[in-house]
Amino acid sequence: QEQLVESGGGSVQAGGFLRLSCTASGLTFGNFNMGWFRQAPGKEREWVSSINWNGGTTLYTNSVKGRFTISRDNAKNTLSLQMNSLKPEDTAMYYCAPLRVWPATPYSDWGQGTQVTVSS
């Protein structure tokens, strides 16, 4: 059974940094393009970033370009998101997901997410 476990969230001040991780099991991780998504209170879930199956191609939503870096380690079934220069508007629950359609259409199964809170 497919399982995605996100971790690494926390509370930081604006300008700070966090590194999120997503560990996958129950799927052949290296076969999937992967994405990070986030959902702020009262808002729709939105796409943040994607990485193709071998890590050779990455994409970012405009609001995080230059601040976030997505990466993956297929040997460890792990997806990461390095988040620098965090802003209060980055506050959200963050989720990882395998992509059904590149670059931003996920499969519907979600993990529990990890909460990121950025204070001004």
N, C-alpha and C. Protein backbone atom coordinates (compact mmCIF):
# COMPACT_ATOMS: atom_id res chain seq x y z
N GLN A 1 0.84 -1.18 0.00
CA GLN A 1 0.00 0.00 0.00
C GLN A 1 0.88 1.24 0.00
N GLU A 2 0.55 2.16 -0.88
CA GLU A 2 1.34 3.38 -1.00
C GLU A 2 1.22 4.23 0.25
N GLN A 3 2.37 4.74 0.71
CA GLN A 3 2.35 5.62 1.87
C GLN A 3 3.36 6.73 1.66
N LEU A 4 2.96 7.94 1.97
CA LEU A 4 3.82 9.12 1.89
C LEU A 4 3.85 9.77 3.26
N VAL A 5 5.04 9.99 3.79
CA VAL A 5 5.19 10.58 5.12
C VAL A 5 6.03 11.83 5.00
N GLU A 6 5.39 12.97 5.25
CA GLU A 6 6.08 14.25 5.21
C GLU A 6 6.59 14.62 6.61
N SER A 7 7.71 15.30 6.65
CA SER A 7 8.29 15.75 7.93
C SER A 7 9.13 16.99 7.69
N GLY A 8 9.56 17.60 8.80
CA GLY A 8 10.47 18.73 8.71
C GLY A 8 9.84 20.08 8.88
N GLY A 9 8.51 20.14 8.99
CA GLY A 9 7.86 21.42 9.18
C GLY A 9 8.14 21.99 10.56
N GLY A 10 7.71 23.21 10.77
CA GLY A 10 7.91 23.86 12.05
C GLY A 10 7.51 25.32 12.00
N SER A 11 7.85 26.03 13.06
CA SER A 11 7.55 27.46 13.16
C SER A 11 8.85 28.23 13.08
N VAL A 12 8.92 29.17 12.17
CA VAL A 12 10.12 29.98 12.00
C VAL A 12 9.72 31.44 11.79
N GLN A 13 10.67 32.32 11.97
CA GLN A 13 10.44 33.73 11.68
C GLN A 13 10.70 34.00 10.20
N ALA A 14 10.12 35.05 9.71
CA ALA A 14 10.35 35.45 8.32
C ALA A 14 11.85 35.58 8.07
N GLY A 15 12.27 35.09 6.92
CA GLY A 15 13.68 35.09 6.59
C GLY A 15 14.39 33.81 6.96
N GLY A 16 13.73 32.97 7.73
CA GLY A 16 14.32 31.71 8.16
C GLY A 16 14.23 30.64 7.10
N PHE A 17 14.62 29.43 7.50
CA PHE A 17 14.62 28.33 6.55
C PHE A 17 14.15 27.05 7.21
N LEU A 18 13.66 26.15 6.37
CA LEU A 18 13.27 24.81 6.78
C LEU A 18 13.58 23.85 5.63
N ARG A 19 13.75 22.59 5.96
CA ARG A 19 13.94 21.55 4.96
C ARG A 19 12.89 20.48 5.18
N LEU A 20 12.01 20.33 4.22
CA LEU A 20 10.97 19.31 4.31
C LEU A 20 11.45 18.02 3.65
N SER A 21 10.97 16.92 4.19
CA SER A 21 11.27 15.61 3.61
C SER A 21 9.98 14.84 3.41
N CYS A 22 10.00 13.97 2.42
CA CYS A 22 8.88 13.08 2.15
C CYS A 22 9.46 11.71 1.86
N THR A 23 9.07 10.74 2.67
CA THR A 23 9.55 9.37 2.49
C THR A 23 8.40 8.54 1.93
N ALA A 24 8.68 7.86 0.85
CA ALA A 24 7.65 7.08 0.16
C ALA A 24 7.88 5.59 0.36
N SER A 25 6.80 4.86 0.48
CA SER A 25 6.86 3.40 0.54
C SER A 25 5.65 2.85 -0.21
N GLY A 26 5.78 1.61 -0.63
CA GLY A 26 4.65 0.99 -1.33
C GLY A 26 4.50 1.39 -2.78
N LEU A 27 5.47 2.09 -3.30
CA LEU A 27 5.46 2.44 -4.72
C LEU A 27 6.90 2.45 -5.22
N THR A 28 7.07 2.27 -6.50
CA THR A 28 8.40 2.32 -7.09
C THR A 28 8.75 3.79 -7.31
N PHE A 29 9.33 4.36 -6.27
CA PHE A 29 9.52 5.81 -6.19
C PHE A 29 10.21 6.38 -7.42
N GLY A 30 11.27 5.71 -7.86
CA GLY A 30 12.05 6.23 -8.98
C GLY A 30 11.32 6.25 -10.30
N ASN A 31 10.14 5.63 -10.36
CA ASN A 31 9.37 5.64 -11.59
C ASN A 31 8.45 6.85 -11.71
N PHE A 32 8.35 7.62 -10.63
CA PHE A 32 7.36 8.69 -10.59
C PHE A 32 8.00 10.07 -10.60
N ASN A 33 7.41 10.96 -11.39
CA ASN A 33 7.64 12.38 -11.18
C ASN A 33 6.94 12.75 -9.87
N MET A 34 7.51 13.68 -9.12
CA MET A 34 6.98 14.00 -7.79
C MET A 34 6.76 15.50 -7.64
N GLY A 35 5.84 15.85 -6.75
CA GLY A 35 5.56 17.26 -6.54
C GLY A 35 5.33 17.58 -5.07
N TRP A 36 5.52 18.83 -4.74
CA TRP A 36 5.14 19.39 -3.44
C TRP A 36 3.93 20.32 -3.67
N PHE A 37 3.02 20.23 -2.74
CA PHE A 37 1.82 21.06 -2.76
C PHE A 37 1.62 21.65 -1.38
N ARG A 38 0.83 22.70 -1.28
CA ARG A 38 0.56 23.28 0.04
C ARG A 38 -0.87 23.80 0.09
N GLN A 39 -1.38 23.85 1.30
CA GLN A 39 -2.73 24.36 1.52
C GLN A 39 -2.74 25.25 2.75
N ALA A 40 -3.04 26.51 2.52
CA ALA A 40 -3.16 27.47 3.62
C ALA A 40 -4.60 27.43 4.13
N PRO A 41 -4.80 27.85 5.39
CA PRO A 41 -6.16 27.85 5.95
C PRO A 41 -7.12 28.65 5.09
N GLY A 42 -8.26 28.05 4.75
CA GLY A 42 -9.28 28.74 3.98
C GLY A 42 -9.00 28.86 2.50
N LYS A 43 -7.92 28.22 2.04
CA LYS A 43 -7.57 28.31 0.62
C LYS A 43 -7.52 26.93 -0.01
N GLU A 44 -7.55 26.92 -1.34
CA GLU A 44 -7.41 25.67 -2.07
C GLU A 44 -5.97 25.18 -1.99
N ARG A 45 -5.80 23.87 -2.12
CA ARG A 45 -4.44 23.32 -2.21
C ARG A 45 -3.81 23.82 -3.50
N GLU A 46 -2.54 24.22 -3.44
CA GLU A 46 -1.86 24.74 -4.61
C GLU A 46 -0.54 24.00 -4.84
N TRP A 47 -0.16 23.96 -6.09
CA TRP A 47 1.10 23.35 -6.47
C TRP A 47 2.25 24.27 -6.12
N VAL A 48 3.36 23.68 -5.64
CA VAL A 48 4.54 24.45 -5.26
C VAL A 48 5.72 24.16 -6.19
N SER A 49 6.00 22.88 -6.38
CA SER A 49 7.20 22.53 -7.13
C SER A 49 7.11 21.09 -7.61
N SER A 50 7.81 20.78 -8.69
CA SER A 50 7.85 19.42 -9.20
C SER A 50 9.25 19.05 -9.63
N ILE A 51 9.51 17.75 -9.61
CA ILE A 51 10.78 17.21 -10.07
C ILE A 51 10.51 15.95 -10.85
N ASN A 52 11.22 15.79 -11.96
CA ASN A 52 10.96 14.60 -12.76
C ASN A 52 11.62 13.38 -12.13
N TRP A 53 11.42 12.21 -12.73
CA TRP A 53 11.78 10.95 -12.09
C TRP A 53 13.26 10.84 -11.75
N ASN A 54 14.13 11.44 -12.56
CA ASN A 54 15.56 11.29 -12.30
C ASN A 54 16.19 12.57 -11.74
N GLY A 55 15.36 13.55 -11.43
CA GLY A 55 15.88 14.78 -10.84
C GLY A 55 16.45 15.76 -11.84
N GLY A 56 16.34 15.46 -13.12
CA GLY A 56 16.95 16.31 -14.12
C GLY A 56 16.17 17.55 -14.48
N THR A 57 14.89 17.56 -14.13
CA THR A 57 14.02 18.70 -14.46
C THR A 57 13.24 19.11 -13.21
N THR A 58 13.27 20.39 -12.92
CA THR A 58 12.52 20.92 -11.79
C THR A 58 11.72 22.14 -12.22
N LEU A 59 10.60 22.34 -11.58
CA LEU A 59 9.75 23.50 -11.84
C LEU A 59 9.26 24.06 -10.52
N TYR A 60 9.00 25.37 -10.51
CA TYR A 60 8.55 26.03 -9.29
C TYR A 60 7.43 27.02 -9.63
N THR A 61 6.49 27.16 -8.71
CA THR A 61 5.54 28.24 -8.85
C THR A 61 6.28 29.56 -8.67
N ASN A 62 5.78 30.61 -9.30
CA ASN A 62 6.52 31.87 -9.32
C ASN A 62 6.84 32.41 -7.93
N SER A 63 5.94 32.22 -6.99
CA SER A 63 6.12 32.82 -5.67
C SER A 63 7.27 32.21 -4.87
N VAL A 64 7.78 31.06 -5.26
CA VAL A 64 8.87 30.44 -4.50
C VAL A 64 10.16 30.34 -5.30
N LYS A 65 10.14 30.74 -6.55
CA LYS A 65 11.36 30.67 -7.37
C LYS A 65 12.49 31.44 -6.73
N GLY A 66 13.65 30.82 -6.71
CA GLY A 66 14.82 31.46 -6.13
C GLY A 66 14.93 31.29 -4.63
N ARG A 67 13.88 30.79 -4.00
CA ARG A 67 13.90 30.59 -2.54
C ARG A 67 13.81 29.11 -2.17
N PHE A 68 13.07 28.32 -2.94
CA PHE A 68 12.88 26.90 -2.65
C PHE A 68 13.67 26.07 -3.65
N THR A 69 14.14 24.91 -3.18
CA THR A 69 14.83 23.96 -4.04
C THR A 69 14.29 22.56 -3.78
N ILE A 70 13.81 21.93 -4.83
CA ILE A 70 13.31 20.56 -4.73
C ILE A 70 14.41 19.59 -5.14
N SER A 71 14.47 18.45 -4.48
CA SER A 71 15.45 17.44 -4.84
C SER A 71 14.91 16.07 -4.45
N ARG A 72 15.60 15.04 -4.91
CA ARG A 72 15.16 13.68 -4.60
C ARG A 72 16.36 12.75 -4.51
N ASP A 73 16.17 11.69 -3.74
CA ASP A 73 17.16 10.63 -3.62
C ASP A 73 16.42 9.32 -3.87
N ASN A 74 16.52 8.83 -5.08
CA ASN A 74 15.74 7.62 -5.41
C ASN A 74 16.23 6.39 -4.64
N ALA A 75 17.49 6.37 -4.28
CA ALA A 75 18.00 5.23 -3.52
C ALA A 75 17.38 5.17 -2.12
N LYS A 76 16.97 6.32 -1.62
CA LYS A 76 16.37 6.39 -0.28
C LYS A 76 14.87 6.64 -0.31
N ASN A 77 14.29 6.63 -1.52
CA ASN A 77 12.85 6.89 -1.67
C ASN A 77 12.43 8.19 -0.98
N THR A 78 13.25 9.22 -1.14
CA THR A 78 13.02 10.46 -0.41
C THR A 78 12.97 11.66 -1.34
N LEU A 79 11.99 12.51 -1.09
CA LEU A 79 11.83 13.78 -1.78
C LEU A 79 12.07 14.88 -0.75
N SER A 80 12.75 15.96 -1.15
CA SER A 80 13.04 17.05 -0.23
C SER A 80 12.64 18.39 -0.81
N LEU A 81 12.43 19.34 0.09
CA LEU A 81 12.16 20.71 -0.32
C LEU A 81 12.91 21.63 0.64
N GLN A 82 13.97 22.25 0.14
CA GLN A 82 14.72 23.22 0.92
C GLN A 82 14.04 24.57 0.74
N MET A 83 13.62 25.16 1.85
CA MET A 83 12.90 26.43 1.80
C MET A 83 13.70 27.50 2.52
N ASN A 84 14.18 28.47 1.78
CA ASN A 84 14.96 29.57 2.33
C ASN A 84 14.18 30.88 2.22
N SER A 85 14.62 31.87 2.95
CA SER A 85 13.99 33.20 2.91
C SER A 85 12.48 33.10 3.05
N LEU A 86 12.05 32.36 4.04
CA LEU A 86 10.62 32.10 4.20
C LEU A 86 9.86 33.39 4.51
N LYS A 87 8.63 33.42 4.00
CA LYS A 87 7.74 34.57 4.16
C LYS A 87 6.46 34.12 4.87
N PRO A 88 5.79 35.03 5.53
CA PRO A 88 4.52 34.65 6.19
C PRO A 88 3.53 34.00 5.22
N GLU A 89 3.56 34.41 3.98
CA GLU A 89 2.62 33.82 3.01
C GLU A 89 2.97 32.39 2.62
N ASP A 90 4.11 31.89 3.09
CA ASP A 90 4.46 30.47 2.89
C ASP A 90 3.79 29.58 3.93
N THR A 91 3.16 30.17 4.92
CA THR A 91 2.49 29.40 5.96
C THR A 91 1.40 28.52 5.36
N ALA A 92 1.50 27.22 5.59
CA ALA A 92 0.56 26.26 5.02
C ALA A 92 0.91 24.87 5.50
N MET A 93 0.02 23.93 5.22
CA MET A 93 0.34 22.51 5.35
C MET A 93 0.93 22.08 4.02
N TYR A 94 2.08 21.43 4.09
CA TYR A 94 2.78 21.00 2.89
C TYR A 94 2.64 19.50 2.69
N TYR A 95 2.40 19.10 1.44
CA TYR A 95 2.20 17.71 1.08
C TYR A 95 3.08 17.34 -0.11
N CYS A 96 3.50 16.10 -0.15
CA CYS A 96 4.16 15.59 -1.34
C CYS A 96 3.20 14.61 -2.03
N ALA A 97 3.40 14.41 -3.32
CA ALA A 97 2.55 13.50 -4.06
C ALA A 97 3.23 13.07 -5.34
N PRO A 98 3.00 11.85 -5.77
CA PRO A 98 3.42 11.46 -7.11
C PRO A 98 2.51 12.14 -8.12
N LEU A 99 3.06 12.45 -9.27
CA LEU A 99 2.30 13.19 -10.28
C LEU A 99 1.67 12.25 -11.29
N ARG A 100 0.38 12.46 -11.50
CA ARG A 100 -0.33 11.72 -12.55
C ARG A 100 -0.07 12.35 -13.90
N VAL A 101 -0.04 13.65 -13.93
CA VAL A 101 0.26 14.39 -15.16
C VAL A 101 1.27 15.48 -14.82
N TRP A 102 2.35 15.52 -15.55
CA TRP A 102 3.38 16.57 -15.38
C TRP A 102 2.82 17.90 -15.83
N PRO A 103 3.07 19.00 -15.09
CA PRO A 103 3.92 19.06 -13.91
C PRO A 103 3.18 19.17 -12.60
N ALA A 104 1.83 19.29 -12.63
CA ALA A 104 1.18 19.68 -11.38
C ALA A 104 -0.12 18.95 -11.09
N THR A 105 -0.37 17.80 -11.72
CA THR A 105 -1.58 17.04 -11.44
C THR A 105 -1.21 15.79 -10.66
N PRO A 106 -1.56 15.78 -9.37
CA PRO A 106 -1.15 14.65 -8.55
C PRO A 106 -2.16 13.50 -8.61
N TYR A 107 -1.70 12.34 -8.18
CA TYR A 107 -2.64 11.29 -7.84
C TYR A 107 -3.37 11.77 -6.58
N SER A 108 -4.47 11.14 -6.29
CA SER A 108 -5.34 11.68 -5.26
C SER A 108 -4.98 11.27 -3.84
N ASP A 109 -4.04 10.36 -3.69
CA ASP A 109 -3.69 9.94 -2.34
C ASP A 109 -2.72 10.93 -1.71
N TRP A 110 -3.03 11.36 -0.51
CA TRP A 110 -2.20 12.32 0.19
C TRP A 110 -1.74 11.76 1.52
N GLY A 111 -0.56 12.21 1.95
CA GLY A 111 -0.10 11.89 3.30
C GLY A 111 -0.75 12.83 4.29
N GLN A 112 -0.20 12.85 5.50
CA GLN A 112 -0.78 13.69 6.55
C GLN A 112 -0.29 15.12 6.46
N GLY A 113 0.76 15.35 5.70
CA GLY A 113 1.30 16.68 5.53
C GLY A 113 2.20 17.09 6.69
N THR A 114 2.89 18.20 6.52
CA THR A 114 3.70 18.77 7.58
C THR A 114 3.45 20.28 7.60
N GLN A 115 3.24 20.82 8.79
CA GLN A 115 2.82 22.21 8.94
C GLN A 115 4.04 23.14 8.95
N VAL A 116 3.96 24.18 8.14
CA VAL A 116 4.97 25.24 8.14
C VAL A 116 4.28 26.53 8.54
N THR A 117 4.82 27.17 9.56
CA THR A 117 4.28 28.44 10.03
C THR A 117 5.39 29.47 10.07
N VAL A 118 5.20 30.56 9.35
CA VAL A 118 6.20 31.62 9.27
C VAL A 118 5.60 32.88 9.87
N SER A 119 6.25 33.38 10.91
CA SER A 119 5.77 34.59 11.58
C SER A 119 6.58 35.81 11.13
N SER A 120 5.91 36.94 11.13
CA SER A 120 6.57 38.18 10.68
C SER A 120 7.28 38.87 11.82
